[in-house]
């Protein structure tokens, strides 16, 4: 008997992304009372992502530690620092460090507007 996967690959990946988003929402909701449960949700989300070959978005990547797979909450179990154009995210449990680049916001006012108001 042959094994047959139901649905197309795009459908499976779409469903996987929905489940991953729901798991991160549940992890956020339950973090205060049950931090270990939040860590379990992250492990499940990572397994789903690997199984269906989907990527986390940039926001989701910052929600968990790649070293110990724990859900990260800034100021509670992780530290965030801004160092020379980078966001440095450090897990307190395992000490794993991740660095993300960022561009500082520039002043969007036109130079002509500034010179007219100064006269």
C-alpha atoms as a PDB file:
ATOM      1  CA  UNK A   1       0.000   0.000   0.000  1.00  0.00           C
ATOM      2  CA  UNK A   2       1.446   3.345  -1.000  1.00  0.00           C
ATOM      3  CA  UNK A   3       1.530   6.432   1.152  1.00  0.00           C
ATOM      4  CA  UNK A   4      -0.309   9.432  -0.291  1.00  0.00           C
ATOM      5  CA  UNK A   5      -0.031  12.979   1.070  1.00  0.00           C
ATOM      6  CA  UNK A   6      -3.262  14.880   0.983  1.00  0.00           C
ATOM      7  CA  UNK A   7      -3.281  18.411  -0.427  1.00  0.00           C
ATOM      8  CA  UNK A   8      -0.728  20.326  -2.398  1.00  0.00           C
ATOM      9  CA  UNK A   9       2.529  21.510  -0.930  1.00  0.00           C
ATOM     10  CA  UNK A  10       1.397  25.155  -0.930  1.00  0.00           C
ATOM     11  CA  UNK A  11      -1.739  24.231   1.021  1.00  0.00           C
ATOM     12  CA  UNK A  12       0.280  22.289   3.582  1.00  0.00           C
ATOM     13  CA  UNK A  13       2.733  25.159   3.992  1.00  0.00           C
ATOM     14  CA  UNK A  14      -0.082  27.683   4.428  1.00  0.00           C
ATOM     15  CA  UNK A  15      -1.669  25.527   7.137  1.00  0.00           C
ATOM     16  CA  UNK A  16       1.745  25.086   8.789  1.00  0.00           C
ATOM     17  CA  UNK A  17       2.244  28.878   8.892  1.00  0.00           C
ATOM     18  CA  UNK A  18      -1.182  29.318  10.486  1.00  0.00           C
ATOM     19  CA  UNK A  19      -0.377  26.711  13.141  1.00  0.00           C
ATOM     20  CA  UNK A  20       2.997  28.290  13.856  1.00  0.00           C
ATOM     21  CA  UNK A  21       1.371  31.707  14.315  1.00  0.00           C
ATOM     22  CA  UNK A  22      -1.216  30.187  16.674  1.00  0.00           C
ATOM     23  CA  UNK A  23       1.507  28.443  18.709  1.00  0.00           C
ATOM     24  CA  UNK A  24       3.387  31.714  19.169  1.00  0.00           C
ATOM     25  CA  UNK A  25       0.166  33.434  20.257  1.00  0.00           C
ATOM     26  CA  UNK A  26      -0.459  30.695  22.823  1.00  0.00           C
ATOM     27  CA  UNK A  27       3.154  30.932  24.019  1.00  0.00           C
ATOM     28  CA  UNK A  28       2.723  34.672  24.567  1.00  0.00           C
ATOM     29  CA  UNK A  29      -0.569  34.199  26.366  1.00  0.00           C
ATOM     30  CA  UNK A  30       0.651  31.455  28.722  1.00  0.00           C
ATOM     31  CA  UNK A  31       4.157  32.745  29.431  1.00  0.00           C
ATOM     32  CA  UNK A  32       3.401  34.393  32.783  1.00  0.00           C
ATOM     33  CA  UNK A  33       1.692  31.375  34.363  1.00  0.00           C
ATOM     34  CA  UNK A  34       3.335  28.488  32.498  1.00  0.00           C
ATOM     35  CA  UNK A  35       6.745  29.371  31.042  1.00  0.00           C
ATOM     36  CA  UNK A  36       7.615  25.700  30.394  1.00  0.00           C
ATOM     37  CA  UNK A  37       4.445  25.330  28.330  1.00  0.00           C
ATOM     38  CA  UNK A  38       5.508  28.340  26.261  1.00  0.00           C
ATOM     39  CA  UNK A  39       8.851  26.651  25.642  1.00  0.00           C
ATOM     40  CA  UNK A  40       7.016  23.528  24.495  1.00  0.00           C
ATOM     41  CA  UNK A  41       4.955  25.589  22.047  1.00  0.00           C
ATOM     42  CA  UNK A  42       8.178  26.947  20.556  1.00  0.00           C
ATOM     43  CA  UNK A  43       9.572  23.425  20.157  1.00  0.00           C
ATOM     44  CA  UNK A  44       6.380  22.359  18.373  1.00  0.00           C
ATOM     45  CA  UNK A  45       6.471  25.423  16.105  1.00  0.00           C
ATOM     46  CA  UNK A  46      10.075  24.683  15.145  1.00  0.00           C
ATOM     47  CA  UNK A  47       9.227  21.050  14.376  1.00  0.00           C
ATOM     48  CA  UNK A  48       6.326  22.114  12.154  1.00  0.00           C
ATOM     49  CA  UNK A  49       8.565  24.616  10.338  1.00  0.00           C
ATOM     50  CA  UNK A  50      11.205  21.977   9.674  1.00  0.00           C
ATOM     51  CA  UNK A  51       8.707  19.343   8.635  1.00  0.00           C
ATOM     52  CA  UNK A  52       6.917  21.532   6.076  1.00  0.00           C
ATOM     53  CA  UNK A  53       9.981  23.585   5.066  1.00  0.00           C
ATOM     54  CA  UNK A  54       8.620  26.981   5.988  1.00  0.00           C
ATOM     55  CA  UNK A  55      10.557  29.917   7.392  1.00  0.00           C
ATOM     56  CA  UNK A  56       9.774  32.046  10.386  1.00  0.00           C
ATOM     57  CA  UNK A  57       9.258  35.736   9.682  1.00  0.00           C
ATOM     58  CA  UNK A  58      11.643  38.305  11.180  1.00  0.00           C
ATOM     59  CA  UNK A  59       9.398  38.984  14.150  1.00  0.00           C
ATOM     60  CA  UNK A  60       9.018  35.287  14.999  1.00  0.00           C
ATOM     61  CA  UNK A  61      12.768  34.710  14.820  1.00  0.00           C
ATOM     62  CA  UNK A  62      13.252  37.078  17.736  1.00  0.00           C
ATOM     63  CA  UNK A  63      10.719  35.280  19.924  1.00  0.00           C
ATOM     64  CA  UNK A  64      12.778  32.170  20.697  1.00  0.00           C
ATOM     65  CA  UNK A  65      16.315  31.076  21.500  1.00  0.00           C
ATOM     66  CA  UNK A  66      17.995  28.918  18.891  1.00  0.00           C
ATOM     67  CA  UNK A  67      20.255  27.439  21.576  1.00  0.00           C
ATOM     68  CA  UNK A  68      17.723  26.073  24.057  1.00  0.00           C
ATOM     69  CA  UNK A  69      14.388  26.594  22.189  1.00  0.00           C
ATOM     70  CA  UNK A  70      12.902  28.671  24.981  1.00  0.00           C
ATOM     71  CA  UNK A  71      10.354  31.437  24.455  1.00  0.00           C
ATOM     72  CA  UNK A  72      12.077  34.787  24.996  1.00  0.00           C
ATOM     73  CA  UNK A  73      10.481  37.681  26.799  1.00  0.00           C
ATOM     74  CA  UNK A  74      12.673  40.815  26.857  1.00  0.00           C
ATOM     75  CA  UNK A  75      13.604  41.820  30.381  1.00  0.00           C
ATOM     76  CA  UNK A  76      12.366  38.548  31.885  1.00  0.00           C
ATOM     77  CA  UNK A  77      14.527  35.812  30.410  1.00  0.00           C
ATOM     78  CA  UNK A  78      16.450  37.719  27.733  1.00  0.00           C
ATOM     79  CA  UNK A  79      18.403  40.928  27.386  1.00  0.00           C
ATOM     80  CA  UNK A  80      18.377  43.246  24.393  1.00  0.00           C
ATOM     81  CA  UNK A  81      21.139  45.715  23.650  1.00  0.00           C
ATOM     82  CA  UNK A  82      21.725  48.075  20.745  1.00  0.00           C
ATOM     83  CA  UNK A  83      25.408  47.969  19.842  1.00  0.00           C
ATOM     84  CA  UNK A  84      26.857  49.724  16.767  1.00  0.00           C
ATOM     85  CA  UNK A  85      23.976  49.189  14.360  1.00  0.00           C
ATOM     86  CA  UNK A  86      23.011  45.774  15.685  1.00  0.00           C
ATOM     87  CA  UNK A  87      20.385  44.363  18.001  1.00  0.00           C
ATOM     88  CA  UNK A  88      22.088  41.930  20.384  1.00  0.00           C
ATOM     89  CA  UNK A  89      19.643  39.428  21.876  1.00  0.00           C
ATOM     90  CA  UNK A  90      20.981  37.262  24.715  1.00  0.00           C
ATOM     91  CA  UNK A  91      19.167  34.337  26.336  1.00  0.00           C
ATOM     92  CA  UNK A  92      19.589  34.325  30.115  1.00  0.00           C
ATOM     93  CA  UNK A  93      19.001  30.557  30.464  1.00  0.00           C
ATOM     94  CA  UNK A  94      21.708  29.272  28.113  1.00  0.00           C
ATOM     95  CA  UNK A  95      23.708  32.411  27.260  1.00  0.00           C
ATOM     96  CA  UNK A  96      23.168  32.073  23.504  1.00  0.00           C
ATOM     97  CA  UNK A  97      23.653  35.378  21.655  1.00  0.00           C
ATOM     98  CA  UNK A  98      21.968  36.409  18.409  1.00  0.00           C
ATOM     99  CA  UNK A  99      22.680  39.565  16.465  1.00  0.00           C
ATOM    100  CA  UNK A 100      20.327  41.300  14.055  1.00  0.00           C
ATOM    101  CA  UNK A 101      21.211  44.320  11.961  1.00  0.00           C
ATOM    102  CA  UNK A 102      19.048  47.431  11.947  1.00  0.00           C
ATOM    103  CA  UNK A 103      19.083  50.861  10.424  1.00  0.00           C
ATOM    104  CA  UNK A 104      18.491  53.766  12.777  1.00  0.00           C
ATOM    105  CA  UNK A 105      15.602  56.042  11.837  1.00  0.00           C
ATOM    106  CA  UNK A 106      16.692  59.250  10.133  1.00  0.00           C
ATOM    107  CA  UNK A 107      15.024  62.602  10.445  1.00  0.00           C
ATOM    108  CA  UNK A 108      12.550  62.778   7.571  1.00  0.00           C
ATOM    109  CA  UNK A 109      12.180  66.555   7.540  1.00  0.00           C
ATOM    110  CA  UNK A 110      13.287  68.338   4.397  1.00  0.00           C
ATOM    111  CA  UNK A 111      16.282  70.663   4.709  1.00  0.00           C
ATOM    112  CA  UNK A 112      14.315  73.465   3.033  1.00  0.00           C
ATOM    113  CA  UNK A 113      11.652  73.312   5.722  1.00  0.00           C
ATOM    114  CA  UNK A 114      14.290  73.626   8.436  1.00  0.00           C
ATOM    115  CA  UNK A 115      15.933  76.664   6.864  1.00  0.00           C
ATOM    116  CA  UNK A 116      12.586  78.452   6.327  1.00  0.00           C
ATOM    117  CA  UNK A 117      11.543  77.998   9.955  1.00  0.00           C
ATOM    118  CA  UNK A 118      14.885  79.191  11.261  1.00  0.00           C
ATOM    119  CA  UNK A 119      14.695  82.581   9.397  1.00  0.00           C
END
